[in-house]
Amino acid sequence: MRLAIAFAAMMVLAATGSQGQTPSASGKSGPTDDAVLNVLGDRLVRVFTQFGVPENVYPVRQDDNPDDDTVVFHYASDSYGFAIHNKTVTICFFWGAWTGTVKGIKVGDSRDAVVKVLGNPSVTLKDGNGVITSYGWDLKDLDAKLYADFDANGIVNRVDAELN
């Protein structure tokens, strides 16, 4: 049902001629990291209002319970996006195509460079082999946690923030 609501809202916006904020499509520069992060916890309608129609939308089901479904929106040639659950933005993503910084760090930074900017993480995540995959820091002003995700070489390949 939620997917149907999200799809219907997207179709209404598409029919009214709304455009996603991508530099190539609108001739404007894209949003700042703060603009993306500041929709955490907001309702779905704010995403459409502020960023327009996403370039790609897909559902995510992590178990067999449809009540846990999430919809992911991709913007600006997969440079940033949002996870929406129960019509609320629960995660903001910054992928490899994001060329700016996120709270002072950027995709392509080393673990050491990230720690130099953000300080020691409050959370360290490891895979089953004990390899560090993510560092996390509290974003108290957003009641969220910022994560820098690392590839096998210890280089940031994604930054995301999710509600606590």
Protein backbone atom coordinates (compact mmCIF):
# COMPACT_ATOMS: atom_id res chain seq x y z
CA MET A 1 0.00 0.00 0.00
CA ARG A 2 2.80 2.43 0.92
CA LEU A 3 4.51 1.75 -2.37
CA ALA A 4 1.27 2.55 -4.16
CA ILE A 5 1.00 5.86 -2.29
CA ALA A 6 4.60 6.78 -3.10
CA PHE A 7 4.07 5.83 -6.74
CA ALA A 8 0.85 7.85 -6.95
CA ALA A 9 2.53 10.92 -5.44
CA MET A 10 5.41 10.56 -7.88
CA MET A 11 3.02 10.33 -10.83
CA VAL A 12 1.15 13.46 -9.72
CA LEU A 13 4.40 15.39 -9.52
CA ALA A 14 5.53 14.06 -12.88
CA ALA A 15 2.24 15.10 -14.45
CA THR A 16 2.65 18.64 -13.12
CA GLY A 17 6.07 18.96 -14.71
CA SER A 18 8.23 18.88 -11.57
CA GLN A 19 11.91 18.26 -12.18
CA GLY A 20 14.53 16.72 -9.88
CA GLN A 21 17.35 19.05 -8.92
CA THR A 22 20.19 17.80 -11.04
CA PRO A 23 22.82 20.14 -12.44
CA SER A 24 22.51 18.65 -15.91
CA ALA A 25 18.72 18.78 -16.03
CA SER A 26 18.11 22.22 -14.54
CA GLY A 27 21.35 24.09 -15.19
CA LYS A 28 21.54 24.77 -11.42
CA SER A 29 24.05 23.35 -9.04
CA GLY A 30 22.81 20.52 -6.89
CA PRO A 31 21.83 20.72 -3.23
CA THR A 32 24.31 21.05 -0.38
CA ASP A 33 25.03 18.22 2.03
CA ASP A 34 23.10 20.13 4.71
CA ALA A 35 20.06 20.46 2.44
CA VAL A 36 20.04 16.69 1.94
CA LEU A 37 20.70 15.88 5.60
CA ASN A 38 18.08 18.31 6.89
CA VAL A 39 15.19 16.28 5.48
CA LEU A 40 15.99 13.40 7.86
CA GLY A 41 12.85 12.71 9.85
CA ASP A 42 10.68 14.80 7.52
CA ARG A 43 7.65 13.57 5.62
CA LEU A 44 7.79 12.28 2.06
CA VAL A 45 6.13 15.38 0.65
CA ARG A 46 9.13 17.53 1.67
CA VAL A 47 11.43 15.37 -0.45
CA PHE A 48 9.23 15.95 -3.51
CA THR A 49 8.86 19.65 -2.73
CA GLN A 50 12.57 20.27 -2.20
CA PHE A 51 14.20 17.84 -4.64
CA GLY A 52 11.51 17.07 -7.22
CA VAL A 53 10.85 13.71 -8.82
CA PRO A 54 13.61 11.14 -8.25
CA GLU A 55 15.44 9.65 -11.20
CA ASN A 56 15.05 6.14 -9.85
CA VAL A 57 12.75 4.58 -7.25
CA TYR A 58 12.81 1.05 -5.93
CA PRO A 59 11.33 -0.86 -2.99
CA VAL A 60 13.39 -2.74 -0.41
CA ARG A 61 12.03 -5.64 1.63
CA GLN A 62 14.46 -7.04 4.20
CA ASP A 63 12.15 -9.71 5.58
CA ASP A 64 8.77 -11.16 4.79
CA ASN A 65 6.87 -8.39 6.57
CA PRO A 66 5.45 -5.76 4.17
CA ASP A 67 5.11 -3.35 7.12
CA ASP A 68 8.93 -3.06 7.14
CA ASP A 69 9.16 -2.10 3.45
CA THR A 70 11.27 0.92 2.51
CA VAL A 71 11.34 2.89 -0.73
CA VAL A 72 14.68 4.29 -1.95
CA PHE A 73 14.86 7.41 -4.12
CA HIS A 74 17.94 8.17 -6.26
CA TYR A 75 18.73 11.71 -7.43
CA ALA A 76 21.36 13.45 -9.61
CA SER A 77 22.75 10.42 -11.42
CA ASP A 78 23.02 8.45 -8.19
CA SER A 79 24.95 11.07 -6.28
CA TYR A 80 22.46 11.26 -3.38
CA GLY A 81 19.21 9.72 -2.28
CA PHE A 82 16.80 8.89 0.50
CA ALA A 83 15.23 5.87 2.16
CA ILE A 84 11.56 6.40 3.00
CA HIS A 85 9.70 4.27 5.54
CA ASN A 86 6.09 4.99 6.57
CA LYS A 87 6.20 8.26 4.58
CA THR A 88 9.21 9.49 6.62
CA VAL A 89 12.81 10.02 5.51
CA THR A 90 14.85 7.58 7.61
CA ILE A 91 18.19 7.58 5.74
CA CYS A 92 20.05 10.03 3.49
CA PHE A 93 22.69 8.60 1.12
CA PHE A 94 25.69 10.15 -0.61
CA TRP A 95 27.11 7.78 -3.23
CA GLY A 96 30.24 7.80 -5.39
CA ALA A 97 28.92 10.42 -7.83
CA TRP A 98 28.58 12.99 -4.99
CA THR A 99 31.39 15.48 -5.64
CA GLY A 100 31.01 17.69 -2.58
CA THR A 101 31.77 17.09 1.06
CA VAL A 102 29.47 15.68 3.71
CA LYS A 103 30.20 17.25 7.09
CA GLY A 104 33.73 17.90 5.82
CA ILE A 105 34.51 14.42 4.46
CA LYS A 106 34.11 13.12 0.93
CA VAL A 107 33.84 9.92 -1.03
CA GLY A 108 37.42 8.86 -1.78
CA ASP A 109 38.88 9.89 1.61
CA SER A 110 40.97 7.44 3.64
CA ARG A 111 40.04 6.30 7.15
CA ASP A 112 42.78 8.55 8.55
CA ALA A 113 41.51 11.59 6.62
CA VAL A 114 37.97 10.99 7.91
CA VAL A 115 39.12 10.72 11.53
CA LYS A 116 41.23 13.85 11.11
CA VAL A 117 38.08 15.81 10.11
CA LEU A 118 35.39 14.21 12.31
CA GLY A 119 37.43 12.85 15.22
CA ASN A 120 37.30 9.36 16.61
CA PRO A 121 34.07 7.55 15.72
CA SER A 122 31.51 6.64 18.38
CA VAL A 123 30.77 3.42 16.45
CA THR A 124 33.00 1.07 14.46
CA LEU A 125 31.34 -1.63 12.36
CA LYS A 126 33.17 -4.72 11.12
CA ASP A 127 32.29 -7.52 8.73
CA GLY A 128 32.40 -11.23 9.61
CA ASN A 129 36.15 -11.30 9.01
CA GLY A 130 36.83 -8.43 11.42
CA VAL A 131 37.51 -5.89 8.66
CA ILE A 132 36.29 -2.36 9.46
CA THR A 133 33.47 -1.46 7.09
CA SER A 134 32.08 1.72 8.67
CA TYR A 135 32.71 4.44 11.21
CA GLY A 136 29.82 6.29 12.81
CA TRP A 137 29.38 9.66 14.58
CA ASP A 138 26.41 11.19 16.37
CA LEU A 139 24.60 14.06 14.68
CA LYS A 140 22.87 15.31 17.81
CA ASP A 141 21.17 18.24 16.04
CA LEU A 142 19.41 15.79 13.71
CA ASP A 143 18.95 12.93 16.22
CA ALA A 144 20.83 10.78 13.72
CA LYS A 145 24.09 8.99 13.14
CA LEU A 146 26.49 9.75 10.26
CA TYR A 147 28.33 6.78 8.77
CA ALA A 148 31.36 6.68 6.50
CA ASP A 149 31.39 3.32 4.70
CA PHE A 150 34.75 1.98 3.50
CA ASP A 151 35.76 -0.32 0.67
CA ALA A 152 38.30 -3.15 1.09
CA ASN A 153 41.16 -0.62 0.75
CA GLY A 154 39.90 1.63 3.57
CA ILE A 155 38.57 4.33 1.22
CA VAL A 156 35.16 5.98 1.71
CA ASN A 157 32.76 4.67 -0.92
CA ARG A 158 29.52 5.99 0.62
CA VAL A 159 28.36 8.33 3.36
CA ASP A 160 24.93 8.01 4.90
CA ALA A 161 23.00 9.36 7.84
CA GLU A 162 20.16 7.57 9.53
CA LEU A 163 17.71 8.44 12.26
CA ASN A 164 18.43 7.07 15.72
